[in-house]
Every structure is written in C-alpha cells, then in structure tokens.
PDB file of all heavy atoms in Angstrom:
ATOM      1  N   ALA A   1      70.623 -76.282  31.304  1.00  0.00           N
ATOM      2  CA  ALA A   1      71.520 -77.032  32.193  1.00  0.00           C
ATOM      3  C   ALA A   1      72.970 -76.603  32.016  1.00  0.00           C
ATOM      4  O   ALA A   1      73.719 -76.475  32.994  1.00  0.00           O
ATOM      5  CB  ALA A   1      71.376 -78.535  31.940  1.00  0.00           C
ATOM      6  N   ILE A   2      73.378 -76.356  30.796  1.00  0.00           N
ATOM      7  CA  ILE A   2      74.749 -75.910  30.530  1.00  0.00           C
ATOM      8  C   ILE A   2      74.934 -74.463  30.992  1.00  0.00           C
ATOM      9  O   ILE A   2      75.965 -74.108  31.566  1.00  0.00           O
ATOM     10  CB  ILE A   2      75.118 -76.072  29.041  1.00  0.00           C
ATOM     11  CG1 ILE A   2      74.954 -77.521  28.591  1.00  0.00           C
ATOM     12  CG2 ILE A   2      76.526 -75.564  28.758  1.00  0.00           C
ATOM     13  CD1 ILE A   2      75.858 -78.514  29.274  1.00  0.00           C
ATOM     14  N   TRP A   3      73.944 -73.602  30.743  1.00  0.00           N
ATOM     15  CA  TRP A   3      74.033 -72.215  31.198  1.00  0.00           C
ATOM     16  C   TRP A   3      74.245 -72.152  32.714  1.00  0.00           C
ATOM     17  O   TRP A   3      74.975 -71.290  33.207  1.00  0.00           O
ATOM     18  CB  TRP A   3      72.767 -71.428  30.829  1.00  0.00           C
ATOM     19  CG  TRP A   3      72.829 -70.806  29.473  1.00  0.00           C
ATOM     20  CD1 TRP A   3      72.158 -71.206  28.357  1.00  0.00           C
ATOM     21  CD2 TRP A   3      73.609 -69.673  29.076  1.00  0.00           C
ATOM     22  NE1 TRP A   3      72.475 -70.392  27.294  1.00  0.00           N
ATOM     23  CE2 TRP A   3      73.354 -69.442  27.706  1.00  0.00           C
ATOM     24  CE3 TRP A   3      74.496 -68.829  29.743  1.00  0.00           C
ATOM     25  CZ2 TRP A   3      73.955 -68.410  26.993  1.00  0.00           C
ATOM     26  CZ3 TRP A   3      75.094 -67.792  29.026  1.00  0.00           C
ATOM     27  CH2 TRP A   3      74.820 -67.592  27.677  1.00  0.00           C
ATOM     28  N   GLU A   4      73.618 -73.056  33.442  1.00  0.00           N
ATOM     29  CA  GLU A   4      73.738 -73.052  34.902  1.00  0.00           C
ATOM     30  C   GLU A   4      75.152 -73.354  35.375  1.00  0.00           C
ATOM     31  O   GLU A   4      75.505 -73.052  36.515  1.00  0.00           O
ATOM     32  CB  GLU A   4      72.753 -74.049  35.515  1.00  0.00           C
ATOM     33  CG  GLU A   4      71.311 -73.592  35.401  1.00  0.00           C
ATOM     34  CD  GLU A   4      70.332 -74.613  35.931  1.00  0.00           C
ATOM     35  OE1 GLU A   4      70.693 -75.400  36.835  1.00  0.00           O
ATOM     36  OE2 GLU A   4      69.184 -74.618  35.443  1.00  0.00           O
ATOM     37  N   LYS A   5      75.981 -73.911  34.529  1.00  0.00           N
ATOM     38  CA  LYS A   5      77.369 -74.202  34.898  1.00  0.00           C
ATOM     39  C   LYS A   5      78.257 -72.973  34.824  1.00  0.00           C
ATOM     40  O   LYS A   5      79.384 -72.982  35.324  1.00  0.00           O
ATOM     41  CB  LYS A   5      77.928 -75.312  34.000  1.00  0.00           C
ATOM     42  CG  LYS A   5      77.241 -76.643  34.233  1.00  0.00           C
ATOM     43  CD  LYS A   5      77.814 -77.714  33.347  1.00  0.00           C
ATOM     44  CE  LYS A   5      77.086 -79.030  33.599  1.00  0.00           C
ATOM     45  NZ  LYS A   5      77.637 -80.109  32.792  1.00  0.00           N
ATOM     46  N   VAL A   6      77.765 -71.905  34.190  1.00  0.00           N
ATOM     47  CA  VAL A   6      78.527 -70.658  34.113  1.00  0.00           C
ATOM     48  C   VAL A   6      78.453 -69.975  35.481  1.00  0.00           C
ATOM     49  O   VAL A   6      77.356 -69.796  36.015  1.00  0.00           O
ATOM     50  CB  VAL A   6      77.956 -69.727  33.014  1.00  0.00           C
ATOM     51  CG1 VAL A   6      78.673 -68.383  33.005  1.00  0.00           C
ATOM     52  CG2 VAL A   6      78.046 -70.395  31.652  1.00  0.00           C
ATOM     53  N   PRO A   7      79.596 -69.611  36.061  1.00  0.00           N
ATOM     54  CA  PRO A   7      79.581 -68.954  37.372  1.00  0.00           C
ATOM     55  C   PRO A   7      78.717 -67.690  37.368  1.00  0.00           C
ATOM     56  O   PRO A   7      78.867 -66.830  36.499  1.00  0.00           O
ATOM     57  CB  PRO A   7      81.061 -68.590  37.609  1.00  0.00           C
ATOM     58  CG  PRO A   7      81.821 -69.552  36.751  1.00  0.00           C
ATOM     59  CD  PRO A   7      80.953 -69.815  35.556  1.00  0.00           C
ATOM     60  N   GLY A   8      77.764 -67.633  38.297  1.00  0.00           N
ATOM     61  CA  GLY A   8      76.876 -66.476  38.392  1.00  0.00           C
ATOM     62  C   GLY A   8      75.533 -66.693  37.725  1.00  0.00           C
ATOM     63  O   GLY A   8      74.622 -65.875  37.873  1.00  0.00           O
ATOM     64  N   ILE A   9      75.387 -67.780  36.984  1.00  0.00           N
ATOM     65  CA  ILE A   9      74.120 -68.069  36.301  1.00  0.00           C
ATOM     66  C   ILE A   9      73.472 -69.276  36.985  1.00  0.00           C
ATOM     67  O   ILE A   9      74.009 -70.371  36.972  1.00  0.00           O
ATOM     68  CB  ILE A   9      74.345 -68.392  34.802  1.00  0.00           C
ATOM     69  CG1 ILE A   9      75.005 -67.235  34.091  1.00  0.00           C
ATOM     70  CG2 ILE A   9      73.024 -68.769  34.127  1.00  0.00           C
ATOM     71  CD1 ILE A   9      74.181 -65.972  34.017  1.00  0.00           C
ATOM     72  N   GLY A  10      72.334 -69.035  37.583  1.00  0.00           N
ATOM     73  CA  GLY A  10      71.576 -70.116  38.203  1.00  0.00           C
ATOM     74  C   GLY A  10      70.399 -70.504  37.328  1.00  0.00           C
ATOM     75  O   GLY A  10      70.325 -70.142  36.157  1.00  0.00           O
ATOM     76  N   SER A  11      69.458 -71.207  37.932  1.00  0.00           N
ATOM     77  CA  SER A  11      68.321 -71.700  37.150  1.00  0.00           C
ATOM     78  C   SER A  11      67.426 -70.573  36.639  1.00  0.00           C
ATOM     79  O   SER A  11      66.913 -70.651  35.526  1.00  0.00           O
ATOM     80  CB  SER A  11      67.511 -72.712  37.961  1.00  0.00           C
ATOM     81  OG  SER A  11      66.985 -72.104  39.118  1.00  0.00           O
ATOM     82  N   SER A  12      67.239 -69.517  37.428  1.00  0.00           N
ATOM     83  CA  SER A  12      66.386 -68.407  36.978  1.00  0.00           C
ATOM     84  C   SER A  12      66.996 -67.701  35.778  1.00  0.00           C
ATOM     85  O   SER A  12      66.311 -67.461  34.778  1.00  0.00           O
ATOM     86  CB  SER A  12      66.178 -67.387  38.104  1.00  0.00           C
ATOM     87  OG  SER A  12      65.414 -67.945  39.132  1.00  0.00           O
ATOM     88  N   TYR A  13      68.272 -67.337  35.882  1.00  0.00           N
ATOM     89  CA  TYR A  13      68.933 -66.664  34.765  1.00  0.00           C
ATOM     90  C   TYR A  13      68.999 -67.560  33.532  1.00  0.00           C
ATOM     91  O   TYR A  13      68.754 -67.109  32.421  1.00  0.00           O
ATOM     92  CB  TYR A  13      70.348 -66.212  35.130  1.00  0.00           C
ATOM     93  CG  TYR A  13      70.409 -64.958  35.964  1.00  0.00           C
ATOM     94  CD1 TYR A  13      71.243 -64.883  37.063  1.00  0.00           C
ATOM     95  CD2 TYR A  13      69.652 -63.844  35.646  1.00  0.00           C
ATOM     96  CE1 TYR A  13      71.323 -63.731  37.827  1.00  0.00           C
ATOM     97  CE2 TYR A  13      69.717 -62.685  36.402  1.00  0.00           C
ATOM     98  CZ  TYR A  13      70.553 -62.637  37.501  1.00  0.00           C
ATOM     99  OH  TYR A  13      70.628 -61.497  38.251  1.00  0.00           O
ATOM    100  N   SER A  14      69.329 -68.823  33.730  1.00  0.00           N
ATOM    101  CA  SER A  14      69.450 -69.712  32.572  1.00  0.00           C
ATOM    102  C   SER A  14      68.115 -69.840  31.849  1.00  0.00           C
ATOM    103  O   SER A  14      68.059 -69.819  30.615  1.00  0.00           O
ATOM    104  CB  SER A  14      69.987 -71.082  32.977  1.00  0.00           C
ATOM    105  OG  SER A  14      69.062 -71.777  33.772  1.00  0.00           O
ATOM    106  N   SER A  15      67.039 -69.915  32.604  1.00  0.00           N
ATOM    107  CA  SER A  15      65.710 -70.001  32.009  1.00  0.00           C
ATOM    108  C   SER A  15      65.367 -68.722  31.250  1.00  0.00           C
ATOM    109  O   SER A  15      64.858 -68.767  30.126  1.00  0.00           O
ATOM    110  CB  SER A  15      64.680 -70.258  33.104  1.00  0.00           C
ATOM    111  OG  SER A  15      63.391 -70.278  32.573  1.00  0.00           O
ATOM    112  N   ARG A  16      65.673 -67.573  31.845  1.00  0.00           N
ATOM    113  CA  ARG A  16      65.402 -66.295  31.182  1.00  0.00           C
ATOM    114  C   ARG A  16      66.233 -66.139  29.911  1.00  0.00           C
ATOM    115  O   ARG A  16      65.744 -65.632  28.899  1.00  0.00           O
ATOM    116  CB  ARG A  16      65.713 -65.134  32.117  1.00  0.00           C
ATOM    117  CG  ARG A  16      64.741 -64.986  33.255  1.00  0.00           C
ATOM    118  CD  ARG A  16      65.121 -63.795  34.103  1.00  0.00           C
ATOM    119  NE  ARG A  16      64.609 -63.968  35.449  1.00  0.00           N
ATOM    120  CZ  ARG A  16      65.085 -63.365  36.518  1.00  0.00           C
ATOM    121  NH1 ARG A  16      66.112 -62.533  36.399  1.00  0.00           N
ATOM    122  NH2 ARG A  16      64.567 -63.576  37.693  1.00  0.00           N
ATOM    123  N   ILE A  17      67.489 -66.537  29.969  1.00  0.00           N
ATOM    124  CA  ILE A  17      68.378 -66.430  28.804  1.00  0.00           C
ATOM    125  C   ILE A  17      67.835 -67.245  27.640  1.00  0.00           C
ATOM    126  O   ILE A  17      67.725 -66.760  26.516  1.00  0.00           O
ATOM    127  CB  ILE A  17      69.819 -66.869  29.159  1.00  0.00           C
ATOM    128  CG1 ILE A  17      70.473 -65.840  30.083  1.00  0.00           C
ATOM    129  CG2 ILE A  17      70.657 -67.067  27.897  1.00  0.00           C
ATOM    130  CD1 ILE A  17      71.766 -66.320  30.733  1.00  0.00           C
ATOM    131  N   VAL A  18      67.494 -68.494  27.904  1.00  0.00           N
ATOM    132  CA  VAL A  18      67.010 -69.378  26.846  1.00  0.00           C
ATOM    133  C   VAL A  18      65.661 -68.892  26.305  1.00  0.00           C
ATOM    134  O   VAL A  18      65.438 -68.888  25.093  1.00  0.00           O
ATOM    135  CB  VAL A  18      66.944 -70.843  27.329  1.00  0.00           C
ATOM    136  CG1 VAL A  18      66.219 -71.730  26.344  1.00  0.00           C
ATOM    137  CG2 VAL A  18      68.356 -71.363  27.592  1.00  0.00           C
ATOM    138  N   LYS A  19      64.793 -68.432  27.185  1.00  0.00           N
ATOM    139  CA  LYS A  19      63.486 -67.942  26.750  1.00  0.00           C
ATOM    140  C   LYS A  19      63.641 -66.704  25.863  1.00  0.00           C
ATOM    141  O   LYS A  19      63.011 -66.604  24.802  1.00  0.00           O
ATOM    142  CB  LYS A  19      62.627 -67.605  27.968  1.00  0.00           C
ATOM    143  CG  LYS A  19      61.212 -67.205  27.637  1.00  0.00           C
ATOM    144  CD  LYS A  19      60.447 -66.850  28.893  1.00  0.00           C
ATOM    145  CE  LYS A  19      59.319 -67.835  29.069  1.00  0.00           C
ATOM    146  NZ  LYS A  19      58.489 -67.551  30.236  1.00  0.00           N
ATOM    147  N   TYR A  20      64.484 -65.767  26.270  1.00  0.00           N
ATOM    148  CA  TYR A  20      64.687 -64.556  25.474  1.00  0.00           C
ATOM    149  C   TYR A  20      65.384 -64.890  24.154  1.00  0.00           C
ATOM    150  O   TYR A  20      65.032 -64.349  23.111  1.00  0.00           O
ATOM    151  CB  TYR A  20      65.485 -63.513  26.269  1.00  0.00           C
ATOM    152  CG  TYR A  20      65.532 -62.170  25.593  1.00  0.00           C
ATOM    153  CD1 TYR A  20      64.369 -61.428  25.410  1.00  0.00           C
ATOM    154  CD2 TYR A  20      66.717 -61.643  25.126  1.00  0.00           C
ATOM    155  CE1 TYR A  20      64.397 -60.187  24.782  1.00  0.00           C
ATOM    156  CE2 TYR A  20      66.758 -60.412  24.499  1.00  0.00           C
ATOM    157  CZ  TYR A  20      65.598 -59.685  24.335  1.00  0.00           C
ATOM    158  OH  TYR A  20      65.632 -58.465  23.706  1.00  0.00           O
ATOM    159  N   ARG A  21      66.351 -65.798  24.206  1.00  0.00           N
ATOM    160  CA  ARG A  21      67.041 -66.233  22.982  1.00  0.00           C
ATOM    161  C   ARG A  21      66.042 -66.809  21.991  1.00  0.00           C
ATOM    162  O   ARG A  21      66.098 -66.528  20.800  1.00  0.00           O
ATOM    163  CB  ARG A  21      68.116 -67.261  23.334  1.00  0.00           C
ATOM    164  CG  ARG A  21      68.891 -67.757  22.115  1.00  0.00           C
ATOM    165  CD  ARG A  21      69.823 -68.865  22.462  1.00  0.00           C
ATOM    166  NE  ARG A  21      69.077 -70.059  22.839  1.00  0.00           N
ATOM    167  CZ  ARG A  21      69.587 -71.068  23.540  1.00  0.00           C
ATOM    168  NH1 ARG A  21      70.835 -71.030  23.958  1.00  0.00           N
ATOM    169  NH2 ARG A  21      68.853 -72.115  23.823  1.00  0.00           N
ATOM    170  N   ASP A  22      65.101 -67.600  22.486  1.00  0.00           N
ATOM    171  CA  ASP A  22      64.094 -68.192  21.614  1.00  0.00           C
ATOM    172  C   ASP A  22      63.183 -67.122  21.001  1.00  0.00           C
ATOM    173  O   ASP A  22      62.805 -67.220  19.835  1.00  0.00           O
ATOM    174  CB  ASP A  22      63.271 -69.233  22.364  1.00  0.00           C
ATOM    175  CG  ASP A  22      64.082 -70.481  22.710  1.00  0.00           C
ATOM    176  OD1 ASP A  22      65.189 -70.660  22.145  1.00  0.00           O
ATOM    177  OD2 ASP A  22      63.612 -71.270  23.553  1.00  0.00           O
ATOM    178  N   LEU A  23      62.834 -66.101  21.780  1.00  0.00           N
ATOM    179  CA  LEU A  23      62.024 -65.000  21.251  1.00  0.00           C
ATOM    180  C   LEU A  23      62.765 -64.243  20.154  1.00  0.00           C
ATOM    181  O   LEU A  23      62.182 -63.879  19.130  1.00  0.00           O
ATOM    182  CB  LEU A  23      61.673 -64.011  22.362  1.00  0.00           C
ATOM    183  CG  LEU A  23      60.475 -64.323  23.232  1.00  0.00           C
ATOM    184  CD1 LEU A  23      60.377 -63.309  24.373  1.00  0.00           C
ATOM    185  CD2 LEU A  23      59.194 -64.336  22.430  1.00  0.00           C
ATOM    186  N   LEU A  24      64.042 -63.999  20.370  1.00  0.00           N
ATOM    187  CA  LEU A  24      64.863 -63.276  19.395  1.00  0.00           C
ATOM    188  C   LEU A  24      65.118 -64.089  18.133  1.00  0.00           C
ATOM    189  O   LEU A  24      65.328 -63.539  17.068  1.00  0.00           O
ATOM    190  CB  LEU A  24      66.235 -62.938  19.989  1.00  0.00           C
ATOM    191  CG  LEU A  24      66.385 -61.699  20.821  1.00  0.00           C
ATOM    192  CD1 LEU A  24      67.792 -61.631  21.402  1.00  0.00           C
ATOM    193  CD2 LEU A  24      66.087 -60.450  20.032  1.00  0.00           C
ATOM    194  N   GLY A  25      65.151 -65.384  18.302  1.00  0.00           N
ATOM    195  CA  GLY A  25      65.605 -66.241  17.204  1.00  0.00           C
ATOM    196  C   GLY A  25      67.089 -66.519  17.333  1.00  0.00           C
ATOM    197  O   GLY A  25      67.732 -67.019  16.424  1.00  0.00           O
ATOM    198  N   GLY A  26      67.647 -66.198  18.493  1.00  0.00           N
ATOM    199  CA  GLY A  26      69.071 -66.377  18.761  1.00  0.00           C
ATOM    200  C   GLY A  26      69.737 -65.033  18.995  1.00  0.00           C
ATOM    201  O   GLY A  26      69.204 -63.988  18.626  1.00  0.00           O
ATOM    202  N   PHE A  27      70.886 -65.072  19.616  1.00  0.00           N
ATOM    203  CA  PHE A  27      71.651 -63.856  19.876  1.00  0.00           C
ATOM    204  C   PHE A  27      72.659 -63.630  18.753  1.00  0.00           C
ATOM    205  O   PHE A  27      73.380 -64.543  18.378  1.00  0.00           O
ATOM    206  CB  PHE A  27      72.428 -63.969  21.196  1.00  0.00           C
ATOM    207  CG  PHE A  27      71.568 -64.062  22.423  1.00  0.00           C
ATOM    208  CD1 PHE A  27      71.431 -65.261  23.105  1.00  0.00           C
ATOM    209  CD2 PHE A  27      70.920 -62.940  22.912  1.00  0.00           C
ATOM    210  CE1 PHE A  27      70.660 -65.349  24.254  1.00  0.00           C
ATOM    211  CE2 PHE A  27      70.135 -63.016  24.061  1.00  0.00           C
ATOM    212  CZ  PHE A  27      70.000 -64.216  24.737  1.00  0.00           C
ATOM    213  N   ALA A  28      72.714 -62.415  18.245  1.00  0.00           N
ATOM    214  CA  ALA A  28      73.713 -62.060  17.237  1.00  0.00           C
ATOM    215  C   ALA A  28      75.012 -61.586  17.912  1.00  0.00           C
ATOM    216  O   ALA A  28      76.084 -61.722  17.341  1.00  0.00           O
ATOM    217  CB  ALA A  28      73.174 -60.976  16.315  1.00  0.00           C
ATOM    218  N   HIS A  29      74.883 -61.040  19.119  1.00  0.00           N
ATOM    219  CA  HIS A  29      76.021 -60.510  19.870  1.00  0.00           C
ATOM    220  C   HIS A  29      75.870 -60.891  21.330  1.00  0.00           C
ATOM    221  O   HIS A  29      74.755 -60.871  21.860  1.00  0.00           O
ATOM    222  CB  HIS A  29      76.076 -58.983  19.777  1.00  0.00           C
ATOM    223  CG  HIS A  29      75.954 -58.455  18.388  1.00  0.00           C
ATOM    224  ND1 HIS A  29      77.001 -58.473  17.505  1.00  0.00           N
ATOM    225  CD2 HIS A  29      74.900 -57.914  17.722  1.00  0.00           C
ATOM    226  CE1 HIS A  29      76.600 -57.958  16.354  1.00  0.00           C
ATOM    227  NE2 HIS A  29      75.327 -57.627  16.455  1.00  0.00           N
ATOM    228  N   LYS A  30      76.968 -61.183  21.994  1.00  0.00           N
ATOM    229  CA  LYS A  30      76.826 -61.585  23.391  1.00  0.00           C
ATOM    230  C   LYS A  30      76.393 -60.433  24.291  1.00  0.00           C
ATOM    231  O   LYS A  30      75.807 -60.659  25.338  1.00  0.00           O
ATOM    232  CB  LYS A  30      78.063 -62.311  23.921  1.00  0.00           C
ATOM    233  CG  LYS A  30      79.336 -61.581  24.004  1.00  0.00           C
ATOM    234  CD  LYS A  30      80.383 -62.458  24.710  1.00  0.00           C
ATOM    235  CE  LYS A  30      81.707 -62.424  24.008  1.00  0.00           C
ATOM    236  NZ  LYS A  30      82.716 -63.209  24.740  1.00  0.00           N
ATOM    237  N   GLU A  31      76.594 -59.198  23.860  1.00  0.00           N
ATOM    238  CA  GLU A  31      76.133 -58.049  24.649  1.00  0.00           C
ATOM    239  C   GLU A  31      74.608 -58.035  24.808  1.00  0.00           C
ATOM    240  O   GLU A  31      74.085 -57.416  25.735  1.00  0.00           O
ATOM    241  CB  GLU A  31      76.593 -56.732  23.999  1.00  0.00           C
ATOM    242  CG  GLU A  31      78.076 -56.517  24.013  1.00  0.00           C
ATOM    243  CD  GLU A  31      78.824 -57.229  22.880  1.00  0.00           C
ATOM    244  OE1 GLU A  31      78.182 -57.812  21.967  1.00  0.00           O
ATOM    245  OE2 GLU A  31      80.061 -57.222  22.917  1.00  0.00           O
ATOM    246  N   GLN A  32      73.916 -58.733  23.931  1.00  0.00           N
ATOM    247  CA  GLN A  32      72.458 -58.825  24.031  1.00  0.00           C
ATOM    248  C   GLN A  32      72.022 -59.533  25.304  1.00  0.00           C
ATOM    249  O   GLN A  32      70.869 -59.409  25.710  1.00  0.00           O
ATOM    250  CB  GLN A  32      71.883 -59.549  22.814  1.00  0.00           C
ATOM    251  CG  GLN A  32      71.970 -58.741  21.539  1.00  0.00           C
ATOM    252  CD  GLN A  32      71.536 -59.565  20.352  1.00  0.00           C
ATOM    253  OE1 GLN A  32      72.256 -60.449  19.915  1.00  0.00           O
ATOM    254  NE2 GLN A  32      70.353 -59.276  19.837  1.00  0.00           N
ATOM    255  N   LEU A  33      72.914 -60.239  25.937  1.00  0.00           N
ATOM    256  CA  LEU A  33      72.577 -60.882  27.203  1.00  0.00           C
ATOM    257  C   LEU A  33      72.134 -59.847  28.235  1.00  0.00           C
ATOM    258  O   LEU A  33      71.347 -60.151  29.125  1.00  0.00           O
ATOM    259  CB  LEU A  33      73.759 -61.690  27.742  1.00  0.00           C
ATOM    260  CG  LEU A  33      74.061 -62.973  26.980  1.00  0.00           C
ATOM    261  CD1 LEU A  33      75.407 -63.530  27.390  1.00  0.00           C
ATOM    262  CD2 LEU A  33      72.959 -64.001  27.216  1.00  0.00           C
ATOM    263  N   MET A  34      72.614 -58.615  28.104  1.00  0.00           N
ATOM    264  CA  MET A  34      72.202 -57.562  29.038  1.00  0.00           C
ATOM    265  C   MET A  34      70.759 -57.129  28.827  1.00  0.00           C
ATOM    266  O   MET A  34      70.217 -56.396  29.639  1.00  0.00           O
ATOM    267  CB  MET A  34      73.158 -56.365  28.941  1.00  0.00           C
ATOM    268  CG  MET A  34      74.536 -56.673  29.508  1.00  0.00           C
ATOM    269  SD  MET A  34      75.638 -55.248  29.538  1.00  0.00           S
ATOM    270  CE  MET A  34      76.103 -55.153  27.800  1.00  0.00           C
ATOM    271  N   GLU A  35      70.119 -57.594  27.773  1.00  0.00           N
ATOM    272  CA  GLU A  35      68.698 -57.333  27.555  1.00  0.00           C
ATOM    273  C   GLU A  35      67.834 -58.320  28.345  1.00  0.00           C
ATOM    274  O   GLU A  35      66.628 -58.109  28.485  1.00  0.00           O
ATOM    275  CB  GLU A  35      68.359 -57.428  26.065  1.00  0.00           C
ATOM    276  CG  GLU A  35      69.062 -56.394  25.220  1.00  0.00           C
ATOM    277  CD  GLU A  35      68.885 -56.633  23.729  1.00  0.00           C
ATOM    278  OE1 GLU A  35      67.961 -57.379  23.324  1.00  0.00           O
ATOM    279  OE2 GLU A  35      69.682 -56.074  22.961  1.00  0.00           O
ATOM    280  N   VAL A  36      68.443 -59.382  28.837  1.00  0.00           N
ATOM    281  CA  VAL A  36      67.730 -60.377  29.632  1.00  0.00           C
ATOM    282  C   VAL A  36      67.482 -59.780  31.012  1.00  0.00           C
ATOM    283  O   VAL A  36      68.409 -59.233  31.639  1.00  0.00           O
ATOM    284  CB  VAL A  36      68.532 -61.696  29.742  1.00  0.00           C
ATOM    285  CG1 VAL A  36      67.862 -62.675  30.684  1.00  0.00           C
ATOM    286  CG2 VAL A  36      68.733 -62.303  28.361  1.00  0.00           C
ATOM    287  N   TYR A  37      66.257 -59.866  31.480  1.00  0.00           N
ATOM    288  CA  TYR A  37      65.887 -59.292  32.762  1.00  0.00           C
ATOM    289  C   TYR A  37      66.842 -59.753  33.869  1.00  0.00           C
ATOM    290  O   TYR A  37      67.077 -60.950  34.041  1.00  0.00           O
ATOM    291  CB  TYR A  37      64.444 -59.668  33.129  1.00  0.00           C
ATOM    292  CG  TYR A  37      64.018 -59.149  34.469  1.00  0.00           C
ATOM    293  CD1 TYR A  37      63.676 -57.810  34.620  1.00  0.00           C
ATOM    294  CD2 TYR A  37      63.984 -59.966  35.581  1.00  0.00           C
ATOM    295  CE1 TYR A  37      63.294 -57.310  35.844  1.00  0.00           C
ATOM    296  CE2 TYR A  37      63.605 -59.481  36.818  1.00  0.00           C
ATOM    297  CZ  TYR A  37      63.261 -58.147  36.944  1.00  0.00           C
ATOM    298  OH  TYR A  37      62.901 -57.651  38.173  1.00  0.00           O
ATOM    299  N   GLY A  38      67.427 -58.799  34.575  1.00  0.00           N
ATOM    300  CA  GLY A  38      68.291 -59.097  35.715  1.00  0.00           C
ATOM    301  C   GLY A  38      69.771 -59.185  35.408  1.00  0.00           C
ATOM    302  O   GLY A  38      70.592 -59.158  36.311  1.00  0.00           O
ATOM    303  N   ILE A  39      70.125 -59.297  34.134  1.00  0.00           N
ATOM    304  CA  ILE A  39      71.549 -59.375  33.787  1.00  0.00           C
ATOM    305  C   ILE A  39      72.047 -57.958  33.542  1.00  0.00           C
ATOM    306  O   ILE A  39      71.778 -57.360  32.505  1.00  0.00           O
ATOM    307  CB  ILE A  39      71.807 -60.285  32.577  1.00  0.00           C
ATOM    308  CG1 ILE A  39      71.382 -61.714  32.912  1.00  0.00           C
ATOM    309  CG2 ILE A  39      73.288 -60.231  32.179  1.00  0.00           C
ATOM    310  CD1 ILE A  39      71.646 -62.729  31.841  1.00  0.00           C
ATOM    311  N   GLU A  40      72.735 -57.461  34.547  1.00  0.00           N
ATOM    312  CA  GLU A  40      73.283 -56.113  34.456  1.00  0.00           C
ATOM    313  C   GLU A  40      74.737 -56.186  34.021  1.00  0.00           C
ATOM    314  O   GLU A  40      75.315 -57.271  33.899  1.00  0.00           O
ATOM    315  CB  GLU A  40      73.114 -55.407  35.793  1.00  0.00           C
ATOM    316  CG  GLU A  40      71.622 -55.250  36.118  1.00  0.00           C
ATOM    317  CD  GLU A  40      71.354 -54.466  37.371  1.00  0.00           C
ATOM    318  OE1 GLU A  40      72.302 -53.921  37.970  1.00  0.00           O
ATOM    319  OE2 GLU A  40      70.179 -54.404  37.749  1.00  0.00           O
ATOM    320  N   TYR A  41      75.325 -55.032  33.799  1.00  0.00           N
ATOM    321  CA  TYR A  41      76.667 -54.928  33.229  1.00  0.00           C
ATOM    322  C   TYR A  41      77.706 -55.720  34.026  1.00  0.00           C
ATOM    323  O   TYR A  41      78.535 -56.416  33.442  1.00  0.00           O
ATOM    324  CB  TYR A  41      77.061 -53.451  33.135  1.00  0.00           C
ATOM    325  CG  TYR A  41      78.370 -53.219  32.438  1.00  0.00           C
ATOM    326  CD1 TYR A  41      78.513 -53.513  31.079  1.00  0.00           C
ATOM    327  CD2 TYR A  41      79.464 -52.721  33.129  1.00  0.00           C
ATOM    328  CE1 TYR A  41      79.712 -53.299  30.425  1.00  0.00           C
ATOM    329  CE2 TYR A  41      80.676 -52.506  32.475  1.00  0.00           C
ATOM    330  CZ  TYR A  41      80.792 -52.799  31.128  1.00  0.00           C
ATOM    331  OH  TYR A  41      81.986 -52.599  30.484  1.00  0.00           O
ATOM    332  N   GLU A  42      77.666 -55.632  35.341  1.00  0.00           N
ATOM    333  CA  GLU A  42      78.657 -56.324  36.172  1.00  0.00           C
ATOM    334  C   GLU A  42      78.577 -57.836  35.985  1.00  0.00           C
ATOM    335  O   GLU A  42      79.600 -58.506  35.854  1.00  0.00           O
ATOM    336  CB  GLU A  42      78.479 -55.973  37.663  1.00  0.00           C
ATOM    337  CG  GLU A  42      78.730 -54.515  37.979  1.00  0.00           C
ATOM    338  CD  GLU A  42      77.582 -53.591  37.599  1.00  0.00           C
ATOM    339  OE1 GLU A  42      76.413 -54.051  37.490  1.00  0.00           O
ATOM    340  OE2 GLU A  42      77.865 -52.397  37.368  1.00  0.00           O
TER     341      GLU A  42
END
C-alpha cells in the first residue's frame, strides 16, 4: 500500500517489489529494484 504511493508504482509493481524483496530476504541496495520484473532504469 505504501509502495503504491510512490509516483510510477502501481499495484502490479508494488506486489512484485514486495514479493522479490521477500525472496531476497530484503534489499541491500536500492539499485536491486531494477532486478524486479518491469522496473527498468528510467
């Protein structure tokens, strides 16, 4: 719900971010967000 408040992040991205974060055990660096399906550099 909080991720969805970030401009450009909707429900699909927020769900993918949290799911991938849980698989990793958390993000060590914010650049890892680009490993989430659909989150490209821009």
